[in-house]
Amino acid sequence: MAPVITPEDLRAARARAEVPLYMIAPYVGINPRRLGDVLRGRSPLTPELAERVLRAIDALRREGYPSL
């Protein structure tokens, strides 16, 4: 069984990559506000969405998104 990815895990990954939500949201296919709600635990996080967010963060990090 795959490990469960929590909103806290995703927030930490995003912070480490220094990528803003508005850059991740188009890769994931949801509105940045909804993504923020998911990462704050206000909206449900499905395993599929968690995987898409992690892949988006990784892709943006590899593309060399500039740190703010």
C-alpha atoms as a PDB file:
ATOM      1  CA  MET A   1       0.000   0.000   0.000  1.00  0.00           C
ATOM      2  CA  ALA A   2       1.315   3.435  -0.957  1.00  0.00           C
ATOM      3  CA  PRO A   3       1.960   5.958   1.822  1.00  0.00           C
ATOM      4  CA  VAL A   4      -0.777   8.495   2.417  1.00  0.00           C
ATOM      5  CA  ILE A   5       0.125  12.022   1.302  1.00  0.00           C
ATOM      6  CA  THR A   6      -1.297  14.693   3.590  1.00  0.00           C
ATOM      7  CA  PRO A   7      -1.949  18.384   2.911  1.00  0.00           C
ATOM      8  CA  GLU A   8       0.942  19.128   5.279  1.00  0.00           C
ATOM      9  CA  ASP A   9       3.272  17.026   3.111  1.00  0.00           C
ATOM     10  CA  LEU A  10       2.232  18.985   0.034  1.00  0.00           C
ATOM     11  CA  ARG A  11       2.636  22.355   1.761  1.00  0.00           C
ATOM     12  CA  ALA A  12       6.132  21.336   2.871  1.00  0.00           C
ATOM     13  CA  ALA A  13       7.075  20.175  -0.639  1.00  0.00           C
ATOM     14  CA  ARG A  14       5.780  23.435  -2.123  1.00  0.00           C
ATOM     15  CA  ALA A  15       7.711  25.488   0.430  1.00  0.00           C
ATOM     16  CA  ARG A  16      10.933  23.561  -0.221  1.00  0.00           C
ATOM     17  CA  ALA A  17      10.539  24.075  -3.974  1.00  0.00           C
ATOM     18  CA  GLU A  18       9.614  27.747  -3.462  1.00  0.00           C
ATOM     19  CA  VAL A  19       6.862  27.524  -6.076  1.00  0.00           C
ATOM     20  CA  PRO A  20       3.711  29.659  -5.670  1.00  0.00           C
ATOM     21  CA  LEU A  21       0.243  28.120  -5.826  1.00  0.00           C
ATOM     22  CA  TYR A  22      -0.676  30.035  -8.961  1.00  0.00           C
ATOM     23  CA  MET A  23       2.116  28.192 -10.806  1.00  0.00           C
ATOM     24  CA  ILE A  24       1.057  24.748  -9.540  1.00  0.00           C
ATOM     25  CA  ALA A  25      -2.687  25.121 -10.144  1.00  0.00           C
ATOM     26  CA  PRO A  26      -2.578  25.049 -13.997  1.00  0.00           C
ATOM     27  CA  TYR A  27      -0.490  21.871 -13.945  1.00  0.00           C
ATOM     28  CA  VAL A  28      -3.027  20.258 -11.622  1.00  0.00           C
ATOM     29  CA  GLY A  29      -6.054  21.606 -13.461  1.00  0.00           C
ATOM     30  CA  ILE A  30      -7.821  23.380 -10.596  1.00  0.00           C
ATOM     31  CA  ASN A  31      -8.326  26.962  -9.475  1.00  0.00           C
ATOM     32  CA  PRO A  32      -5.506  28.353  -7.274  1.00  0.00           C
ATOM     33  CA  ARG A  33      -7.997  29.262  -4.552  1.00  0.00           C
ATOM     34  CA  ARG A  34      -9.360  25.706  -4.458  1.00  0.00           C
ATOM     35  CA  LEU A  35      -5.814  24.350  -4.354  1.00  0.00           C
ATOM     36  CA  GLY A  36      -5.109  26.626  -1.395  1.00  0.00           C
ATOM     37  CA  ASP A  37      -8.225  25.325   0.351  1.00  0.00           C
ATOM     38  CA  VAL A  38      -7.070  21.748  -0.245  1.00  0.00           C
ATOM     39  CA  LEU A  39      -3.593  22.460   1.126  1.00  0.00           C
ATOM     40  CA  ARG A  40      -5.100  24.113   4.214  1.00  0.00           C
ATOM     41  CA  GLY A  41      -7.368  21.109   4.849  1.00  0.00           C
ATOM     42  CA  ARG A  42     -10.581  23.007   4.057  1.00  0.00           C
ATOM     43  CA  SER A  43     -11.372  20.897   0.980  1.00  0.00           C
ATOM     44  CA  PRO A  44     -10.841  17.150   0.564  1.00  0.00           C
ATOM     45  CA  LEU A  45      -7.526  15.866  -0.774  1.00  0.00           C
ATOM     46  CA  THR A  46      -7.899  12.774  -2.925  1.00  0.00           C
ATOM     47  CA  PRO A  47      -4.906  10.497  -3.528  1.00  0.00           C
ATOM     48  CA  GLU A  48      -5.060  11.331  -7.245  1.00  0.00           C
ATOM     49  CA  LEU A  49      -4.955  15.076  -6.581  1.00  0.00           C
ATOM     50  CA  ALA A  50      -2.071  14.653  -4.138  1.00  0.00           C
ATOM     51  CA  GLU A  51      -0.092  12.766  -6.776  1.00  0.00           C
ATOM     52  CA  ARG A  52      -0.827  15.425  -9.423  1.00  0.00           C
ATOM     53  CA  VAL A  53       0.303  18.195  -7.069  1.00  0.00           C
ATOM     54  CA  LEU A  54       3.559  16.382  -6.269  1.00  0.00           C
ATOM     55  CA  ARG A  55       4.217  15.821  -9.981  1.00  0.00           C
ATOM     56  CA  ALA A  56       3.524  19.504 -10.707  1.00  0.00           C
ATOM     57  CA  ILE A  57       5.902  20.658  -7.973  1.00  0.00           C
ATOM     58  CA  ASP A  58       8.586  18.312  -9.281  1.00  0.00           C
ATOM     59  CA  ALA A  59       8.086  19.477 -12.876  1.00  0.00           C
ATOM     60  CA  LEU A  60       8.305  23.148 -11.900  1.00  0.00           C
ATOM     61  CA  ARG A  61      11.412  22.499  -9.824  1.00  0.00           C
ATOM     62  CA  ARG A  62      13.084  20.706 -12.762  1.00  0.00           C
ATOM     63  CA  GLU A  63      12.168  23.528 -15.132  1.00  0.00           C
ATOM     64  CA  GLY A  64      14.126  25.839 -12.876  1.00  0.00           C
ATOM     65  CA  TYR A  65      11.308  28.049 -11.658  1.00  0.00           C
ATOM     66  CA  PRO A  66      13.105  31.068 -10.152  1.00  0.00           C
ATOM     67  CA  SER A  67      12.940  31.484  -6.384  1.00  0.00           C
ATOM     68  CA  LEU A  68      10.969  34.470  -5.182  1.00  0.00           C
END
